[in-house]
């Protein structure tokens, strides 16, 4: 299974294929950071699950591993919201997302090991 770099047939406003992820990330706002879950992602945006509502058209940064994605909140429905990225993700970043989807157990194990190593080194929460 590979990443398609071209648009798919349009349904509503969505133009690019999305990957279902279900991975934790962080929203960086001007005055705070909030945890979220990336339900799905494309090269141009993401659907997130959030605990606290956001304002439509609000600017923020979606932080996931080493990616820092400047984004705009396009819609909010209850505990979900949709982001549009200021710049489309590079193909290699989307391939990394696909790797996470196809290797979820290994990805989760790597994250747990990384958090444990950070903790022993006195880094992070």
Protein backbone atom coordinates (compact mmCIF):
# COMPACT_ATOMS: atom_id res chain seq x y z
CA UNK A 1 0.00 0.00 0.00
CA UNK A 2 1.48 3.34 -1.01
CA UNK A 3 0.69 7.01 -0.64
CA UNK A 4 -1.10 8.66 -3.52
CA UNK A 5 0.20 12.17 -4.15
CA UNK A 6 -2.75 13.23 -6.28
CA UNK A 7 -6.26 14.34 -5.27
CA UNK A 8 -9.10 11.87 -5.05
CA UNK A 9 -12.56 12.56 -6.50
CA UNK A 10 -14.19 15.29 -4.46
CA UNK A 11 -16.85 14.57 -1.84
CA UNK A 12 -17.89 17.85 -0.25
CA UNK A 13 -14.80 19.95 0.48
CA UNK A 14 -12.39 17.03 1.01
CA UNK A 15 -9.98 16.59 -1.89
CA UNK A 16 -7.22 14.29 -0.59
CA UNK A 17 -7.17 10.77 0.82
CA UNK A 18 -7.07 10.51 4.59
CA UNK A 19 -5.28 8.06 6.85
CA UNK A 20 -7.09 6.85 9.97
CA UNK A 21 -4.54 7.19 12.81
CA UNK A 22 -5.95 7.58 16.33
CA UNK A 23 -2.65 8.89 17.77
CA UNK A 24 -2.05 11.50 20.49
CA UNK A 25 -0.68 14.93 19.63
CA UNK A 26 -0.52 18.42 21.12
CA UNK A 27 -2.21 21.65 20.12
CA UNK A 28 -0.07 24.71 20.79
CA UNK A 29 -2.19 27.82 21.30
CA UNK A 30 -0.96 31.33 22.07
CA UNK A 31 -1.58 30.89 25.81
CA UNK A 32 -1.48 27.13 26.45
CA UNK A 33 -0.92 23.64 25.09
CA UNK A 34 -3.67 21.02 24.94
CA UNK A 35 -3.64 17.31 24.29
CA UNK A 36 -5.67 15.95 21.37
CA UNK A 37 -6.06 12.79 19.30
CA UNK A 38 -5.49 12.79 15.54
CA UNK A 39 -8.39 10.69 14.23
CA UNK A 40 -7.39 11.07 10.60
CA UNK A 41 -4.99 13.13 8.55
CA UNK A 42 -4.35 14.09 4.94
CA UNK A 43 -1.61 16.20 3.42
CA UNK A 44 -3.78 19.32 3.83
CA UNK A 45 -5.58 18.84 7.15
CA UNK A 46 -6.68 16.65 10.03
CA UNK A 47 -9.74 15.67 12.08
CA UNK A 48 -9.05 15.77 15.81
CA UNK A 49 -10.75 14.73 19.02
CA UNK A 50 -10.44 17.42 21.69
CA UNK A 51 -11.46 17.82 25.34
CA UNK A 52 -11.99 21.59 25.26
CA UNK A 53 -13.70 23.47 22.44
CA UNK A 54 -11.75 25.65 20.05
CA UNK A 55 -12.94 28.67 18.08
CA UNK A 56 -13.44 28.37 14.34
CA UNK A 57 -10.78 30.24 12.34
CA UNK A 58 -8.45 30.06 15.36
CA UNK A 59 -4.77 29.66 14.44
CA UNK A 60 -2.66 27.08 16.25
CA UNK A 61 0.17 24.60 15.84
CA UNK A 62 -0.48 20.85 15.69
CA UNK A 63 2.59 19.22 17.21
CA UNK A 64 3.21 15.55 16.49
CA UNK A 65 6.68 14.06 17.05
CA UNK A 66 9.00 16.41 15.15
CA UNK A 67 6.23 17.89 12.97
CA UNK A 68 5.01 21.37 13.84
CA UNK A 69 2.04 22.12 11.57
CA UNK A 70 0.72 25.68 11.49
CA UNK A 71 -3.04 25.25 11.12
CA UNK A 72 -6.44 26.92 11.16
CA UNK A 73 -9.52 25.45 12.85
CA UNK A 74 -12.11 25.10 10.06
CA UNK A 75 -14.99 23.54 12.00
CA UNK A 76 -15.91 22.37 15.49
CA UNK A 77 -18.62 19.80 16.31
CA UNK A 78 -18.77 18.83 19.97
CA UNK A 79 -15.50 17.08 20.82
CA UNK A 80 -14.25 17.01 17.21
CA UNK A 81 -12.67 19.65 15.02
CA UNK A 82 -11.15 19.94 11.58
CA UNK A 83 -7.85 21.64 10.85
CA UNK A 84 -6.49 22.97 7.58
CA UNK A 85 -2.69 23.11 7.42
CA UNK A 86 -1.09 26.35 6.23
CA UNK A 87 1.25 24.26 4.05
CA UNK A 88 0.62 20.77 2.73
CA UNK A 89 2.60 17.95 4.29
CA UNK A 90 5.53 16.62 2.30
CA UNK A 91 5.14 13.16 0.75
CA UNK A 92 7.77 11.71 3.12
CA UNK A 93 5.76 12.96 6.13
CA UNK A 94 2.63 11.28 4.76
CA UNK A 95 4.66 8.10 4.22
CA UNK A 96 5.66 8.28 7.89
CA UNK A 97 1.98 8.53 8.84
CA UNK A 98 1.24 5.50 6.66
CA UNK A 99 4.04 3.59 8.42
CA UNK A 100 2.39 4.39 11.77
CA UNK A 101 -0.96 3.11 10.47
CA UNK A 102 0.53 -0.12 9.13
CA UNK A 103 2.83 -0.75 12.13
CA UNK A 104 0.67 0.45 15.01
CA UNK A 105 1.81 -2.09 17.63
CA UNK A 106 5.47 -1.34 16.94
CA UNK A 107 4.77 2.42 16.90
CA UNK A 108 3.04 2.20 20.31
CA UNK A 109 5.96 0.18 21.72
CA UNK A 110 8.50 2.72 20.39
CA UNK A 111 6.51 5.57 21.98
CA UNK A 112 6.33 3.79 25.35
CA UNK A 113 10.06 3.03 25.28
CA UNK A 114 10.82 6.63 24.30
CA UNK A 115 8.71 8.01 27.17
CA UNK A 116 10.42 5.66 29.64
CA UNK A 117 13.86 6.71 28.39
CA UNK A 118 12.88 10.40 28.65
CA UNK A 119 11.63 9.83 32.20
CA UNK A 120 14.87 8.16 33.28
CA UNK A 121 16.82 11.05 31.74
CA UNK A 122 14.59 13.57 33.57
CA UNK A 123 12.97 14.89 30.38
CA UNK A 124 9.25 15.55 29.96
CA UNK A 125 6.32 14.82 32.24
